[in-house]
Amino acid sequence: MDHVERYWRDLRVFHIAPVTQEMTLNYIAERVLRLPKSYGA
């Protein structure tokens, strides 16, 4: 259950910080779904 709390805490940052929906989806894809980055670093 600890992982759920961590994701909830991390996602709350998106309500505070000025980020786009694409940035949010990238974060979820990389951290939660463990997909590779969809952009160059």
C-alpha atoms as a PDB file:
ATOM      1  CA  MET A   1       0.000   0.000   0.000  1.00  0.00           C
ATOM      2  CA  ASP A   2       2.999   2.295   0.391  1.00  0.00           C
ATOM      3  CA  HIS A   3       3.351   2.655  -3.373  1.00  0.00           C
ATOM      4  CA  VAL A   4      -0.182   4.039  -3.636  1.00  0.00           C
ATOM      5  CA  GLU A   5       0.599   6.689  -1.045  1.00  0.00           C
ATOM      6  CA  ARG A   6       3.768   7.654  -2.893  1.00  0.00           C
ATOM      7  CA  TYR A   7       1.968   8.005  -6.232  1.00  0.00           C
ATOM      8  CA  TRP A   8      -0.766  10.066  -4.586  1.00  0.00           C
ATOM      9  CA  ARG A   9       1.854  12.384  -3.070  1.00  0.00           C
ATOM     10  CA  ASP A  10       3.685  12.666  -6.385  1.00  0.00           C
ATOM     11  CA  LEU A  11       0.507  13.403  -8.337  1.00  0.00           C
ATOM     12  CA  ARG A  12      -0.501  16.144  -5.913  1.00  0.00           C
ATOM     13  CA  VAL A  13       2.566  18.065  -7.100  1.00  0.00           C
ATOM     14  CA  PHE A  14       0.928  18.352 -10.514  1.00  0.00           C
ATOM     15  CA  HIS A  15      -1.854  20.424  -8.967  1.00  0.00           C
ATOM     16  CA  ILE A  16       0.701  22.852  -7.543  1.00  0.00           C
ATOM     17  CA  ALA A  17       3.325  23.039 -10.278  1.00  0.00           C
ATOM     18  CA  PRO A  18       2.504  24.506 -13.698  1.00  0.00           C
ATOM     19  CA  VAL A  19       2.797  21.367 -15.837  1.00  0.00           C
ATOM     20  CA  THR A  20       0.999  20.277 -18.967  1.00  0.00           C
ATOM     21  CA  GLN A  21      -1.153  17.193 -19.339  1.00  0.00           C
ATOM     22  CA  GLU A  22       1.537  15.731 -21.605  1.00  0.00           C
ATOM     23  CA  MET A  23       4.124  16.081 -18.840  1.00  0.00           C
ATOM     24  CA  THR A  24       1.751  14.337 -16.435  1.00  0.00           C
ATOM     25  CA  LEU A  25       1.158  11.484 -18.857  1.00  0.00           C
ATOM     26  CA  ASN A  26       4.901  11.129 -19.492  1.00  0.00           C
ATOM     27  CA  TYR A  27       5.521  10.886 -15.761  1.00  0.00           C
ATOM     28  CA  ILE A  28       2.860   8.208 -15.316  1.00  0.00           C
ATOM     29  CA  ALA A  29       4.105   6.261 -18.335  1.00  0.00           C
ATOM     30  CA  GLU A  30       7.713   6.268 -17.109  1.00  0.00           C
ATOM     31  CA  ARG A  31       7.211   5.820 -13.361  1.00  0.00           C
ATOM     32  CA  VAL A  32       4.028   3.771 -13.081  1.00  0.00           C
ATOM     33  CA  LEU A  33       3.903   1.829 -16.341  1.00  0.00           C
ATOM     34  CA  ARG A  34       7.718   1.667 -16.658  1.00  0.00           C
ATOM     35  CA  LEU A  35       7.658   2.590 -20.340  1.00  0.00           C
ATOM     36  CA  PRO A  36      10.710   4.109 -22.047  1.00  0.00           C
ATOM     37  CA  LYS A  37      10.936   7.865 -22.475  1.00  0.00           C
ATOM     38  CA  SER A  38       8.979   9.177 -25.429  1.00  0.00           C
ATOM     39  CA  TYR A  39      11.272  12.169 -25.863  1.00  0.00           C
ATOM     40  CA  GLY A  40      15.000  12.826 -26.172  1.00  0.00           C
ATOM     41  CA  ALA A  41      16.889  13.802 -23.060  1.00  0.00           C
END
